[in-house]
C-alpha atoms as a PDB file:
ATOM      1  CA  MET A   1      37.526   1.088 -66.185  1.00  0.00           C
ATOM      2  CA  LEU A   2      38.394  -0.342 -63.143  1.00  0.00           C
ATOM      3  CA  GLU A   3      35.638  -3.746 -63.664  1.00  0.00           C
ATOM      4  CA  LYS A   4      39.147  -6.333 -63.739  1.00  0.00           C
ATOM      5  CA  PHE A   5      39.318  -5.611 -60.103  1.00  0.00           C
ATOM      6  CA  GLU A   6      36.771  -7.056 -57.387  1.00  0.00           C
ATOM      7  CA  ARG A   7      34.622  -5.036 -55.819  1.00  0.00           C
ATOM      8  CA  ILE A   8      31.417  -5.212 -53.768  1.00  0.00           C
ATOM      9  CA  LYS A   9      28.778  -2.327 -53.584  1.00  0.00           C
ATOM     10  CA  LEU A  10      28.995  -1.013 -49.848  1.00  0.00           C
ATOM     11  CA  GLY A  11      28.338   3.028 -50.237  1.00  0.00           C
ATOM     12  CA  HIS A  12      26.169   5.652 -51.924  1.00  0.00           C
ATOM     13  CA  PHE A  13      28.256   6.374 -55.413  1.00  0.00           C
ATOM     14  CA  PRO A  14      28.931   9.188 -56.751  1.00  0.00           C
ATOM     15  CA  THR A  15      28.851  10.937 -53.306  1.00  0.00           C
ATOM     16  CA  PRO A  16      27.700  14.813 -54.207  1.00  0.00           C
ATOM     17  CA  ILE A  17      29.342  18.205 -54.895  1.00  0.00           C
ATOM     18  CA  GLU A  18      28.417  20.946 -53.458  1.00  0.00           C
ATOM     19  CA  HIS A  19      29.352  24.690 -53.844  1.00  0.00           C
ATOM     20  CA  LEU A  20      30.155  26.249 -50.702  1.00  0.00           C
ATOM     21  CA  LYS A  21      29.215  29.388 -51.381  1.00  0.00           C
ATOM     22  CA  ASN A  22      28.876  31.173 -47.863  1.00  0.00           C
ATOM     23  CA  ILE A  23      32.306  30.365 -47.224  1.00  0.00           C
ATOM     24  CA  SER A  24      33.725  30.863 -50.633  1.00  0.00           C
ATOM     25  CA  LYS A  25      32.337  34.479 -49.953  1.00  0.00           C
ATOM     26  CA  TYR A  26      33.140  34.755 -46.159  1.00  0.00           C
ATOM     27  CA  LEU A  27      37.114  33.913 -47.345  1.00  0.00           C
ATOM     28  CA  GLY A  28      36.676  35.924 -50.673  1.00  0.00           C
ATOM     29  CA  GLY A  29      37.293  33.347 -52.769  1.00  0.00           C
ATOM     30  CA  PRO A  30      38.479  31.250 -54.341  1.00  0.00           C
ATOM     31  CA  ASN A  31      35.324  29.311 -55.359  1.00  0.00           C
ATOM     32  CA  ILE A  32      35.283  26.090 -52.982  1.00  0.00           C
ATOM     33  CA  PHE A  33      33.475  23.299 -53.844  1.00  0.00           C
ATOM     34  CA  ILE A  34      32.900  20.331 -51.605  1.00  0.00           C
ATOM     35  CA  LYS A  35      32.730  16.087 -52.487  1.00  0.00           C
ATOM     36  CA  ARG A  36      30.774  14.901 -49.909  1.00  0.00           C
ATOM     37  CA  ASP A  37      32.689  11.465 -48.917  1.00  0.00           C
ATOM     38  CA  ASP A  38      31.141  11.878 -45.245  1.00  0.00           C
ATOM     39  CA  CYS A  39      27.796  10.879 -47.195  1.00  0.00           C
ATOM     40  CA  THR A  40      29.276   7.260 -48.574  1.00  0.00           C
ATOM     41  CA  GLY A  41      26.199   5.770 -46.532  1.00  0.00           C
ATOM     42  CA  LEU A  42      28.246   3.136 -44.526  1.00  0.00           C
ATOM     43  CA  ALA A  43      28.308   3.740 -40.495  1.00  0.00           C
ATOM     44  CA  THR A  44      27.986   7.213 -40.998  1.00  0.00           C
ATOM     45  CA  GLY A  45      29.819   7.451 -44.020  1.00  0.00           C
ATOM     46  CA  GLY A  46      33.932   8.143 -44.966  1.00  0.00           C
ATOM     47  CA  ASN A  47      36.275   7.723 -47.104  1.00  0.00           C
ATOM     48  CA  LYS A  48      37.311   4.478 -46.046  1.00  0.00           C
ATOM     49  CA  THR A  49      34.390   2.565 -47.368  1.00  0.00           C
ATOM     50  CA  ARG A  50      35.440   2.848 -50.811  1.00  0.00           C
ATOM     51  CA  LYS A  51      38.427   0.934 -49.737  1.00  0.00           C
ATOM     52  CA  LEU A  52      36.517  -1.432 -48.179  1.00  0.00           C
ATOM     53  CA  GLU A  53      34.438  -1.908 -51.672  1.00  0.00           C
ATOM     54  CA  PHE A  54      38.042  -3.091 -53.026  1.00  0.00           C
ATOM     55  CA  LEU A  55      39.360  -4.978 -49.631  1.00  0.00           C
ATOM     56  CA  ILE A  56      36.539  -6.725 -48.133  1.00  0.00           C
ATOM     57  CA  PRO A  57      36.122  -8.977 -51.800  1.00  0.00           C
ATOM     58  CA  ASP A  58      39.861  -9.465 -51.107  1.00  0.00           C
ATOM     59  CA  ALA A  59      39.243 -10.983 -47.556  1.00  0.00           C
ATOM     60  CA  ILE A  60      36.690 -12.889 -49.300  1.00  0.00           C
ATOM     61  CA  LYS A  61      38.366 -14.249 -51.847  1.00  0.00           C
ATOM     62  CA  ASN A  62      41.100 -15.473 -49.391  1.00  0.00           C
ATOM     63  CA  LYS A  63      38.448 -17.479 -47.080  1.00  0.00           C
ATOM     64  CA  ALA A  64      38.845 -15.063 -44.399  1.00  0.00           C
ATOM     65  CA  GLU A  65      37.967 -16.110 -40.910  1.00  0.00           C
ATOM     66  CA  LEU A  66      38.717 -12.894 -39.160  1.00  0.00           C
ATOM     67  CA  VAL A  67      39.263  -9.996 -40.359  1.00  0.00           C
ATOM     68  CA  VAL A  68      41.832  -7.754 -38.094  1.00  0.00           C
ATOM     69  CA  THR A  69      42.696  -3.854 -38.792  1.00  0.00           C
ATOM     70  CA  VAL A  70      44.198  -1.283 -36.901  1.00  0.00           C
ATOM     71  CA  GLY A  71      43.951   2.388 -35.829  1.00  0.00           C
ATOM     72  CA  ALA A  72      44.145   4.781 -33.223  1.00  0.00           C
ATOM     73  CA  VAL A  73      41.125   5.146 -30.716  1.00  0.00           C
ATOM     74  CA  GLN A  74      38.775   7.214 -32.593  1.00  0.00           C
ATOM     75  CA  SER A  75      39.720   5.471 -35.922  1.00  0.00           C
ATOM     76  CA  ASN A  76      37.432   5.904 -38.482  1.00  0.00           C
ATOM     77  CA  HIS A  77      38.198   3.283 -40.481  1.00  0.00           C
ATOM     78  CA  ALA A  78      37.715   0.617 -37.848  1.00  0.00           C
ATOM     79  CA  ARG A  79      34.434   1.905 -37.687  1.00  0.00           C
ATOM     80  CA  GLN A  80      33.609   1.459 -41.222  1.00  0.00           C
ATOM     81  CA  THR A  81      35.719  -1.907 -41.522  1.00  0.00           C
ATOM     82  CA  ALA A  82      33.225  -3.382 -38.369  1.00  0.00           C
ATOM     83  CA  ALA A  83      29.865  -2.301 -40.453  1.00  0.00           C
ATOM     84  CA  ALA A  84      31.437  -3.858 -43.797  1.00  0.00           C
ATOM     85  CA  CYS A  85      32.085  -6.932 -41.600  1.00  0.00           C
ATOM     86  CA  THR A  86      28.935  -6.975 -39.881  1.00  0.00           C
ATOM     87  CA  LEU A  87      27.140  -6.558 -43.368  1.00  0.00           C
ATOM     88  CA  MET A  88      29.452  -9.243 -45.464  1.00  0.00           C
ATOM     89  CA  GLY A  89      28.885 -11.965 -42.611  1.00  0.00           C
ATOM     90  CA  LEU A  90      33.079 -11.799 -41.543  1.00  0.00           C
ATOM     91  CA  LYS A  91      34.375 -11.236 -37.763  1.00  0.00           C
ATOM     92  CA  CYS A  92      36.256  -8.319 -36.944  1.00  0.00           C
ATOM     93  CA  LEU A  93      38.933  -7.444 -34.258  1.00  0.00           C
ATOM     94  CA  ILE A  94      39.958  -4.174 -34.090  1.00  0.00           C
ATOM     95  CA  ILE A  95      43.530  -3.365 -32.784  1.00  0.00           C
ATOM     96  CA  LEU A  96      43.779   0.549 -31.276  1.00  0.00           C
ATOM     97  CA  GLU A  97      46.404   2.419 -30.361  1.00  0.00           C
ATOM     98  CA  GLN A  98      46.627   6.060 -27.954  1.00  0.00           C
ATOM     99  CA  ARG A  99      48.021   8.470 -29.578  1.00  0.00           C
ATOM    100  CA  VAL A 100      46.089  11.193 -27.682  1.00  0.00           C
ATOM    101  CA  LYS A 101      48.685  12.099 -24.497  1.00  0.00           C
ATOM    102  CA  ASP A 102      45.987  12.565 -21.853  1.00  0.00           C
ATOM    103  CA  PRO A 103      42.391  11.937 -23.232  1.00  0.00           C
ATOM    104  CA  PRO A 104      39.100  11.908 -20.828  1.00  0.00           C
ATOM    105  CA  GLU A 105      37.005   9.101 -20.441  1.00  0.00           C
ATOM    106  CA  ILE A 106      34.849  10.377 -23.154  1.00  0.00           C
ATOM    107  CA  TYR A 107      37.589   9.881 -26.232  1.00  0.00           C
ATOM    108  CA  MET A 108      38.375   6.529 -25.115  1.00  0.00           C
ATOM    109  CA  ASN A 109      34.636   5.042 -24.927  1.00  0.00           C
ATOM    110  CA  SER A 110      32.507   6.958 -27.095  1.00  0.00           C
ATOM    111  CA  GLY A 111      32.501   8.269 -30.563  1.00  0.00           C
ATOM    112  CA  ASN A 112      34.123   5.653 -32.999  1.00  0.00           C
ATOM    113  CA  VAL A 113      34.954   3.038 -29.959  1.00  0.00           C
ATOM    114  CA  PHE A 114      30.851   2.803 -29.188  1.00  0.00           C
ATOM    115  CA  LEU A 115      30.153   2.867 -33.052  1.00  0.00           C
ATOM    116  CA  ASN A 116      32.355  -0.469 -32.946  1.00  0.00           C
ATOM    117  CA  LYS A 117      30.879  -2.240 -30.279  1.00  0.00           C
ATOM    118  CA  LEU A 118      27.406  -1.947 -31.539  1.00  0.00           C
ATOM    119  CA  TYR A 119      28.680  -3.127 -35.115  1.00  0.00           C
ATOM    120  CA  GLY A 120      29.697  -6.498 -33.124  1.00  0.00           C
ATOM    121  CA  ALA A 121      33.702  -5.497 -33.470  1.00  0.00           C
ATOM    122  CA  ASP A 122      35.935  -7.253 -30.699  1.00  0.00           C
ATOM    123  CA  ILE A 123      38.336  -4.429 -29.574  1.00  0.00           C
ATOM    124  CA  LYS A 124      42.024  -4.906 -28.122  1.00  0.00           C
ATOM    125  CA  LEU A 125      43.378  -1.737 -26.664  1.00  0.00           C
ATOM    126  CA  CYS A 126      47.133  -1.647 -26.882  1.00  0.00           C
ATOM    127  CA  PRO A 127      48.671  -0.970 -23.828  1.00  0.00           C
ATOM    128  CA  LYS A 128      50.316   3.063 -23.712  1.00  0.00           C
ATOM    129  CA  ASN A 129      53.736   1.838 -22.633  1.00  0.00           C
ATOM    130  CA  GLU A 130      53.901  -1.224 -25.819  1.00  0.00           C
ATOM    131  CA  ASN A 131      55.160  -0.598 -29.182  1.00  0.00           C
ATOM    132  CA  PHE A 132      52.333  -0.634 -31.292  1.00  0.00           C
ATOM    133  CA  LEU A 133      53.468  -2.810 -34.514  1.00  0.00           C
ATOM    134  CA  GLU A 134      54.711  -5.558 -32.298  1.00  0.00           C
ATOM    135  CA  TYR A 135      51.777  -5.528 -30.233  1.00  0.00           C
ATOM    136  CA  TYR A 136      49.397  -5.708 -33.059  1.00  0.00           C
ATOM    137  CA  GLU A 137      51.774  -8.148 -35.164  1.00  0.00           C
ATOM    138  CA  LYS A 138      52.118 -10.616 -32.181  1.00  0.00           C
ATOM    139  CA  ILE A 139      48.394 -10.546 -31.880  1.00  0.00           C
ATOM    140  CA  VAL A 140      47.981 -11.617 -35.558  1.00  0.00           C
ATOM    141  CA  GLU A 141      50.475 -13.895 -35.411  1.00  0.00           C
ATOM    142  CA  GLY A 142      48.910 -15.574 -32.224  1.00  0.00           C
ATOM    143  CA  LEU A 143      45.814 -16.216 -34.085  1.00  0.00           C
ATOM    144  CA  LYS A 144      47.398 -17.466 -37.177  1.00  0.00           C
ATOM    145  CA  SER A 145      49.189 -20.194 -35.381  1.00  0.00           C
ATOM    146  CA  LYS A 146      46.263 -21.097 -33.729  1.00  0.00           C
ATOM    147  CA  GLY A 147      44.783 -22.266 -37.349  1.00  0.00           C
ATOM    148  CA  THR A 148      42.762 -19.137 -37.887  1.00  0.00           C
ATOM    149  CA  ASN A 149      42.693 -17.507 -41.199  1.00  0.00           C
ATOM    150  CA  VAL A 150      42.937 -14.214 -40.774  1.00  0.00           C
ATOM    151  CA  TYR A 151      42.809 -11.255 -42.935  1.00  0.00           C
ATOM    152  CA  PHE A 152      44.959  -8.219 -42.204  1.00  0.00           C
ATOM    153  CA  ILE A 153      43.795  -4.636 -43.666  1.00  0.00           C
ATOM    154  CA  PRO A 154      46.549  -2.136 -42.607  1.00  0.00           C
ATOM    155  CA  GLY A 155      45.420   1.042 -40.909  1.00  0.00           C
ATOM    156  CA  GLY A 156      43.389   3.681 -42.781  1.00  0.00           C
ATOM    157  CA  GLY A 157      42.889   0.463 -45.444  1.00  0.00           C
ATOM    158  CA  SER A 158      45.744   2.110 -47.181  1.00  0.00           C
ATOM    159  CA  ASN A 159      47.345  -0.370 -49.672  1.00  0.00           C
ATOM    160  CA  SER A 160      47.221  -0.769 -53.193  1.00  0.00           C
ATOM    161  CA  ILE A 161      43.886  -2.868 -53.226  1.00  0.00           C
ATOM    162  CA  GLY A 162      42.078  -0.231 -50.703  1.00  0.00           C
ATOM    163  CA  ALA A 163      44.097   2.813 -52.858  1.00  0.00           C
ATOM    164  CA  LEU A 164      41.402   1.672 -56.091  1.00  0.00           C
ATOM    165  CA  GLY A 165      38.984   3.154 -54.229  1.00  0.00           C
ATOM    166  CA  TYR A 166      40.457   6.707 -54.515  1.00  0.00           C
ATOM    167  CA  VAL A 167      41.330   5.930 -58.388  1.00  0.00           C
ATOM    168  CA  GLU A 168      37.341   5.520 -58.530  1.00  0.00           C
ATOM    169  CA  CYS A 169      36.817   8.611 -56.979  1.00  0.00           C
ATOM    170  CA  LEU A 170      38.948  10.640 -59.184  1.00  0.00           C
ATOM    171  CA  ASN A 171      36.945   8.769 -62.293  1.00  0.00           C
ATOM    172  CA  GLU A 172      33.721  10.169 -60.595  1.00  0.00           C
ATOM    173  CA  ILE A 173      35.185  13.722 -60.568  1.00  0.00           C
ATOM    174  CA  ILE A 174      36.325  13.821 -63.666  1.00  0.00           C
ATOM    175  CA  LYS A 175      32.870  12.752 -65.001  1.00  0.00           C
ATOM    176  CA  GLU A 176      31.753  16.122 -63.734  1.00  0.00           C
ATOM    177  CA  ASN A 177      35.097  18.428 -63.786  1.00  0.00           C
ATOM    178  CA  ASN A 178      33.148  19.676 -67.801  1.00  0.00           C
ATOM    179  CA  LYS A 179      30.606  21.714 -64.879  1.00  0.00           C
ATOM    180  CA  TYR A 180      33.249  22.664 -62.759  1.00  0.00           C
ATOM    181  CA  ASN A 181      36.818  23.290 -64.719  1.00  0.00           C
ATOM    182  CA  PHE A 182      38.409  22.356 -61.208  1.00  0.00           C
ATOM    183  CA  SER A 183      41.751  24.177 -60.676  1.00  0.00           C
ATOM    184  CA  HIS A 184      43.649  21.909 -57.347  1.00  0.00           C
ATOM    185  CA  ILE A 185      41.540  18.891 -55.633  1.00  0.00           C
ATOM    186  CA  ILE A 186      42.882  19.082 -51.342  1.00  0.00           C
ATOM    187  CA  HIS A 187      42.148  16.549 -49.352  1.00  0.00           C
ATOM    188  CA  ALA A 188      43.633  15.216 -45.609  1.00  0.00           C
ATOM    189  CA  THR A 189      46.464  12.900 -46.466  1.00  0.00           C
ATOM    190  CA  GLY A 190      47.570  10.571 -43.146  1.00  0.00           C
ATOM    191  CA  SER A 191      48.205   6.509 -43.799  1.00  0.00           C
ATOM    192  CA  ALA A 192      48.086   7.745 -47.408  1.00  0.00           C
ATOM    193  CA  GLY A 193      45.760   5.631 -49.370  1.00  0.00           C
ATOM    194  CA  THR A 194      43.312   8.399 -50.083  1.00  0.00           C
ATOM    195  CA  GLN A 195      45.823  10.274 -51.921  1.00  0.00           C
ATOM    196  CA  ALA A 196      47.699   7.724 -53.513  1.00  0.00           C
ATOM    197  CA  GLY A 197      44.691   6.566 -54.588  1.00  0.00           C
ATOM    198  CA  LEU A 198      44.054   9.903 -56.478  1.00  0.00           C
ATOM    199  CA  LEU A 199      47.430  10.409 -57.961  1.00  0.00           C
ATOM    200  CA  ALA A 200      47.316   7.025 -59.504  1.00  0.00           C
ATOM    201  CA  GLY A 201      43.890   7.834 -60.568  1.00  0.00           C
ATOM    202  CA  ARG A 202      45.438  10.658 -62.471  1.00  0.00           C
ATOM    203  CA  LYS A 203      48.069   8.568 -64.365  1.00  0.00           C
ATOM    204  CA  TYR A 204      45.489   5.856 -65.400  1.00  0.00           C
ATOM    205  CA  PHE A 205      43.154   8.571 -66.745  1.00  0.00           C
ATOM    206  CA  ASN A 206      45.305  11.140 -67.980  1.00  0.00           C
ATOM    207  CA  CYS A 207      43.979  13.933 -65.573  1.00  0.00           C
ATOM    208  CA  ASN A 208      45.934  16.738 -64.834  1.00  0.00           C
ATOM    209  CA  ILE A 209      44.400  18.195 -61.629  1.00  0.00           C
ATOM    210  CA  PRO A 210      46.923  19.273 -59.269  1.00  0.00           C
ATOM    211  CA  VAL A 211      46.004  17.004 -56.041  1.00  0.00           C
ATOM    212  CA  ILE A 212      47.227  18.817 -52.853  1.00  0.00           C
ATOM    213  CA  GLY A 213      47.532  16.422 -49.170  1.00  0.00           C
ATOM    214  CA  ILE A 214      47.309  18.112 -45.738  1.00  0.00           C
ATOM    215  CA  CYS A 215      49.575  15.849 -43.423  1.00  0.00           C
ATOM    216  CA  ILE A 216      47.723  15.096 -40.433  1.00  0.00           C
ATOM    217  CA  ARG A 217      50.594  13.338 -39.057  1.00  0.00           C
ATOM    218  CA  TYR A 218      53.427  12.773 -40.777  1.00  0.00           C
ATOM    219  CA  ASP A 219      56.198  15.553 -41.593  1.00  0.00           C
ATOM    220  CA  LYS A 220      56.511  16.402 -45.163  1.00  0.00           C
ATOM    221  CA  ALA A 221      59.208  13.974 -46.210  1.00  0.00           C
ATOM    222  CA  THR A 222      57.573  10.971 -44.646  1.00  0.00           C
ATOM    223  CA  GLN A 223      54.444  11.772 -46.006  1.00  0.00           C
ATOM    224  CA  ILE A 224      55.776  12.376 -49.795  1.00  0.00           C
ATOM    225  CA  ASN A 225      57.537   9.551 -49.472  1.00  0.00           C
ATOM    226  CA  LYS A 226      54.522   6.941 -47.895  1.00  0.00           C
ATOM    227  CA  VAL A 227      52.227   8.445 -50.695  1.00  0.00           C
ATOM    228  CA  TYR A 228      55.026   8.086 -53.648  1.00  0.00           C
ATOM    229  CA  THR A 229      55.173   4.005 -52.319  1.00  0.00           C
ATOM    230  CA  GLU A 230      52.081   3.351 -52.292  1.00  0.00           C
ATOM    231  CA  ALA A 231      50.918   5.539 -55.288  1.00  0.00           C
ATOM    232  CA  LYS A 232      53.669   3.443 -57.239  1.00  0.00           C
ATOM    233  CA  LYS A 233      52.362   0.101 -56.449  1.00  0.00           C
ATOM    234  CA  THR A 234      49.031   1.108 -57.592  1.00  0.00           C
ATOM    235  CA  CYS A 235      50.221   2.567 -60.796  1.00  0.00           C
ATOM    236  CA  GLU A 236      52.011  -0.834 -61.208  1.00  0.00           C
ATOM    237  CA  LYS A 237      48.412  -2.693 -60.248  1.00  0.00           C
ATOM    238  CA  LEU A 238      46.179  -0.613 -63.294  1.00  0.00           C
ATOM    239  CA  GLN A 239      49.705  -1.183 -65.143  1.00  0.00           C
ATOM    240  CA  CYS A 240      49.795   2.563 -66.356  1.00  0.00           C
ATOM    241  CA  LYS A 241      51.998   5.014 -66.486  1.00  0.00           C
ATOM    242  CA  VAL A 242      54.361   5.705 -62.659  1.00  0.00           C
ATOM    243  CA  LEU A 243      53.922   9.145 -61.327  1.00  0.00           C
ATOM    244  CA  ASP A 244      56.724  11.186 -60.645  1.00  0.00           C
ATOM    245  CA  LYS A 245      57.632  11.631 -57.695  1.00  0.00           C
ATOM    246  CA  SER A 246      57.006  15.392 -57.755  1.00  0.00           C
ATOM    247  CA  GLU A 247      53.956  14.878 -58.044  1.00  0.00           C
ATOM    248  CA  VAL A 248      53.076  14.165 -54.405  1.00  0.00           C
ATOM    249  CA  VAL A 249      52.563  17.710 -53.112  1.00  0.00           C
ATOM    250  CA  VAL A 250      51.840  17.916 -49.402  1.00  0.00           C
ATOM    251  CA  PHE A 251      51.966  20.407 -46.687  1.00  0.00           C
ATOM    252  CA  ASP A 252      52.719  19.725 -43.381  1.00  0.00           C
ATOM    253  CA  GLU A 253      51.881  23.249 -41.433  1.00  0.00           C
ATOM    254  CA  TYR A 254      48.634  21.876 -40.304  1.00  0.00           C
ATOM    255  CA  ILE A 255      49.249  19.126 -37.892  1.00  0.00           C
ATOM    256  CA  GLY A 256      49.047  21.203 -34.609  1.00  0.00           C
ATOM    257  CA  PRO A 257      50.631  19.197 -31.419  1.00  0.00           C
ATOM    258  CA  GLY A 258      50.419  15.802 -33.206  1.00  0.00           C
ATOM    259  CA  TYR A 259      48.130  13.249 -34.712  1.00  0.00           C
ATOM    260  CA  GLY A 260      44.750  13.249 -33.235  1.00  0.00           C
ATOM    261  CA  GLU A 261      46.010  16.134 -30.844  1.00  0.00           C
ATOM    262  CA  PRO A 262      43.255  19.212 -31.585  1.00  0.00           C
ATOM    263  CA  SER A 263      44.695  22.476 -32.711  1.00  0.00           C
ATOM    264  CA  GLU A 264      43.477  26.110 -32.854  1.00  0.00           C
ATOM    265  CA  ASP A 265      43.381  26.262 -36.491  1.00  0.00           C
ATOM    266  CA  MET A 266      41.177  22.448 -36.873  1.00  0.00           C
ATOM    267  CA  ILE A 267      38.876  24.032 -34.093  1.00  0.00           C
ATOM    268  CA  GLU A 268      38.597  27.069 -36.151  1.00  0.00           C
ATOM    269  CA  ALA A 269      37.848  25.683 -39.193  1.00  0.00           C
ATOM    270  CA  THR A 270      35.158  22.799 -37.665  1.00  0.00           C
ATOM    271  CA  ASN A 271      33.336  25.841 -36.182  1.00  0.00           C
ATOM    272  CA  LEU A 272      33.691  27.767 -39.197  1.00  0.00           C
ATOM    273  CA  LEU A 273      31.943  25.013 -41.637  1.00  0.00           C
ATOM    274  CA  ALA A 274      29.188  23.848 -39.157  1.00  0.00           C
ATOM    275  CA  LYS A 275      28.270  27.913 -38.826  1.00  0.00           C
ATOM    276  CA  LYS A 276      28.281  28.634 -42.631  1.00  0.00           C
ATOM    277  CA  GLU A 277      27.569  25.874 -44.325  1.00  0.00           C
ATOM    278  CA  GLY A 278      25.597  23.357 -41.554  1.00  0.00           C
ATOM    279  CA  ILE A 279      28.585  20.691 -42.490  1.00  0.00           C
ATOM    280  CA  LEU A 280      30.029  18.802 -39.731  1.00  0.00           C
ATOM    281  CA  LEU A 281      34.138  17.940 -40.377  1.00  0.00           C
ATOM    282  CA  ASP A 282      36.116  15.461 -37.643  1.00  0.00           C
ATOM    283  CA  PRO A 283      38.827  16.816 -35.376  1.00  0.00           C
ATOM    284  CA  VAL A 284      41.279  14.285 -36.811  1.00  0.00           C
ATOM    285  CA  TYR A 285      41.578  14.402 -40.539  1.00  0.00           C
ATOM    286  CA  SER A 286      38.994  17.066 -42.288  1.00  0.00           C
ATOM    287  CA  GLY A 287      39.195  19.882 -39.837  1.00  0.00           C
ATOM    288  CA  LYS A 288      42.837  19.503 -40.007  1.00  0.00           C
ATOM    289  CA  GLY A 289      42.555  19.456 -43.839  1.00  0.00           C
ATOM    290  CA  PHE A 290      39.710  22.261 -44.531  1.00  0.00           C
ATOM    291  CA  ALA A 291      42.385  24.359 -41.753  1.00  0.00           C
ATOM    292  CA  GLY A 292      45.168  23.550 -44.562  1.00  0.00           C
ATOM    293  CA  LEU A 293      42.708  24.583 -47.434  1.00  0.00           C
ATOM    294  CA  ILE A 294      41.900  28.173 -45.402  1.00  0.00           C
ATOM    295  CA  GLY A 295      45.889  28.357 -44.548  1.00  0.00           C
ATOM    296  CA  LEU A 296      46.760  28.023 -48.462  1.00  0.00           C
ATOM    297  CA  ILE A 297      43.287  30.563 -49.289  1.00  0.00           C
ATOM    298  CA  LYS A 298      45.373  33.049 -46.413  1.00  0.00           C
ATOM    299  CA  ASN A 299      48.657  32.505 -48.211  1.00  0.00           C
ATOM    300  CA  LYS A 300      47.724  33.539 -51.514  1.00  0.00           C
ATOM    301  CA  LYS A 301      47.953  29.675 -53.243  1.00  0.00           C
ATOM    302  CA  PHE A 302      44.855  29.808 -55.566  1.00  0.00           C
ATOM    303  CA  THR A 303      43.289  32.901 -57.455  1.00  0.00           C
ATOM    304  CA  LYS A 304      39.975  34.454 -56.449  1.00  0.00           C
ATOM    305  CA  ASN A 305      39.013  32.854 -59.769  1.00  0.00           C
ATOM    306  CA  ASP A 306      40.007  29.319 -59.284  1.00  0.00           C
ATOM    307  CA  ASN A 307      37.573  26.544 -58.455  1.00  0.00           C
ATOM    308  CA  VAL A 308      38.520  24.351 -55.554  1.00  0.00           C
ATOM    309  CA  LEU A 309      37.423  20.776 -54.964  1.00  0.00           C
ATOM    310  CA  PHE A 310      37.697  19.819 -51.196  1.00  0.00           C
ATOM    311  CA  ILE A 311      37.082  16.168 -50.466  1.00  0.00           C
ATOM    312  CA  HIS A 312      35.604  15.546 -47.003  1.00  0.00           C
ATOM    313  CA  THR A 313      36.664  12.105 -46.025  1.00  0.00           C
ATOM    314  CA  GLY A 314      34.113  11.993 -42.961  1.00  0.00           C
ATOM    315  CA  GLY A 315      35.198  10.795 -39.708  1.00  0.00           C
ATOM    316  CA  ALA A 316      32.115  13.298 -38.090  1.00  0.00           C
ATOM    317  CA  ALA A 317      30.771  10.605 -35.369  1.00  0.00           C
ATOM    318  CA  SER A 318      34.553  11.520 -33.700  1.00  0.00           C
ATOM    319  CA  LEU A 319      32.990  15.009 -32.812  1.00  0.00           C
ATOM    320  CA  PHE A 320      30.934  13.594 -29.683  1.00  0.00           C
ATOM    321  CA  ALA A 321      34.875  12.020 -28.349  1.00  0.00           C
ATOM    322  CA  TYR A 322      36.025  15.485 -28.668  1.00  0.00           C
ATOM    323  CA  GLU A 323      33.577  17.539 -27.063  1.00  0.00           C
ATOM    324  CA  TRP A 324      35.479  18.602 -24.477  1.00  0.00           C
ATOM    325  CA  VAL A 325      38.008  20.138 -27.165  1.00  0.00           C
ATOM    326  CA  PHE A 326      34.821  22.670 -28.362  1.00  0.00           C
END
């Protein structure tokens, strides 16, 4: 299907789909299933591994001497990029943005930050008073001007190359769907690559399962535009029919105080999944994504007999940096 695009094996695929029997019963339906993209294997796993399977060969093809990527302090994408680079013998620089207002020291140094260092990545922290985009663009330009061949990966690995990972994820879901007959696919949506890939995959594979994104950073209108722009580019890359903007469905009621900032809903959802199913969510993405799923169930978005698939995008490593929240 996607053979025409260069890809390297970095993760364990296909990831398993499990029935969350205890939570489904506790919430009184629908039947909730979980796609374990927290179990992709690379650097404790997560959704970015799928994207990096397409991005890293592009970096190698472009003869990169240094891979540079960006993210928030506790970026799961940064961790997986650092590990992928180490595996493929590439140097990696991670530029981090401080998005949480008053974080304790543990947030700034443990979890993903500690793992980035363990994987041998160099880290630069953008000062709080500087514009992040300007800061990292200046660093990248400076490196290029010194003659370094830099390969830049955007935050979350979210571009039309990275999104191919979630076109492939949808392919995995379709292959198993005769067992489940999913009525909806739900996941946390932030940098937009995951949702863009799933939506482009719907067109490419002619699949009609609705995809719902739970916003973790931007308001509804902004997120719809971000997802649509990336999905359209991905459809064009796949040379398939382009989606209609109305197919981009997101809910922005579960962001809480802001990106990476803890919310009561997230704490409740994370505790619930840990205590009912023994599965760890993360505070930034999957915790708020699952909180959104619970909210939609309470608002009667689904019937009791629906089979709903939640994609666990990983990130439990950052729980250690958020211990103060719990």
